[in-house]
């Protein structure tokens, strides 16, 4: 299955025209229309993406005093 994505805006008369598609005449296709306003709500779903990560003493034990075995 070949997928092709086009971003466009619905015209004033609520119609949509698709031109220069990479399919042959007579070929059956399926059209799914998704609203971008719902997907692009401005909410960042990955707020830590691209931030710097720093490990301070990554090999040091964590909460060593909390283990009963070490008491």
Protein backbone atom coordinates (compact mmCIF):
# COMPACT_ATOMS: atom_id res chain seq x y z
CA UNK A 1 0.00 0.00 0.00
CA UNK A 2 1.33 3.41 -0.98
CA UNK A 3 0.53 6.25 1.42
CA UNK A 4 0.58 9.89 0.36
CA UNK A 5 0.12 12.84 2.70
CA UNK A 6 -1.15 16.28 1.71
CA UNK A 7 -1.84 19.20 4.03
CA UNK A 8 -4.42 21.67 2.76
CA UNK A 9 -7.22 23.97 3.90
CA UNK A 10 -10.91 23.43 3.27
CA UNK A 11 -12.30 26.16 0.99
CA UNK A 12 -15.15 28.55 1.86
CA UNK A 13 -17.71 26.34 0.11
CA UNK A 14 -16.53 23.39 2.28
CA UNK A 15 -14.97 21.48 -0.61
CA UNK A 16 -11.61 19.84 -0.96
CA UNK A 17 -9.70 19.43 -4.23
CA UNK A 18 -6.69 17.14 -4.51
CA UNK A 19 -4.41 17.55 -7.52
CA UNK A 20 -1.23 15.88 -8.83
CA UNK A 21 -1.66 12.69 -6.81
CA UNK A 22 0.94 9.92 -7.29
CA UNK A 23 -1.71 7.35 -8.32
CA UNK A 24 -2.88 6.04 -11.70
CA UNK A 25 -6.24 6.88 -13.26
CA UNK A 26 -8.86 4.35 -12.23
CA UNK A 27 -6.85 3.14 -9.25
CA UNK A 28 -8.91 2.62 -6.09
CA UNK A 29 -7.82 4.72 -3.12
CA UNK A 30 -9.03 5.31 0.41
CA UNK A 31 -9.33 8.88 1.68
CA UNK A 32 -9.14 9.67 5.40
CA UNK A 33 -9.47 13.29 6.54
CA UNK A 34 -8.02 14.34 9.90
CA UNK A 35 -8.46 17.73 11.50
CA UNK A 36 -5.12 19.35 12.34
CA UNK A 37 -6.62 21.70 14.95
CA UNK A 38 -7.36 18.75 17.20
CA UNK A 39 -3.95 17.15 16.82
CA UNK A 40 -1.95 20.40 17.09
CA UNK A 41 -3.46 21.75 20.29
CA UNK A 42 -0.15 23.41 21.20
CA UNK A 43 0.36 20.96 24.04
CA UNK A 44 3.87 19.55 24.15
CA UNK A 45 3.51 15.81 24.76
CA UNK A 46 7.29 15.39 25.18
CA UNK A 47 8.45 18.34 27.32
CA UNK A 48 11.89 16.82 28.04
CA UNK A 49 12.74 16.02 24.41
CA UNK A 50 15.98 17.76 23.45
CA UNK A 51 16.94 18.75 26.99
CA UNK A 52 20.39 18.05 28.41
CA UNK A 53 20.76 15.06 30.71
CA UNK A 54 23.48 15.04 33.33
CA UNK A 55 24.33 12.07 35.54
CA UNK A 56 26.02 12.92 38.82
CA UNK A 57 27.82 9.88 40.25
CA UNK A 58 25.86 7.36 38.18
CA UNK A 59 27.59 4.35 39.77
CA UNK A 60 27.03 5.39 43.39
CA UNK A 61 24.49 3.34 45.39
CA UNK A 62 21.06 4.89 45.90
CA UNK A 63 19.33 4.83 49.32
CA UNK A 64 21.95 2.46 50.72
CA UNK A 65 20.92 3.27 54.32
CA UNK A 66 17.34 2.13 53.62
CA UNK A 67 18.27 -1.54 53.17
CA UNK A 68 17.91 -3.75 56.26
CA UNK A 69 20.77 -5.98 55.10
CA UNK A 70 23.30 -3.15 55.53
CA UNK A 71 22.28 -2.40 59.10
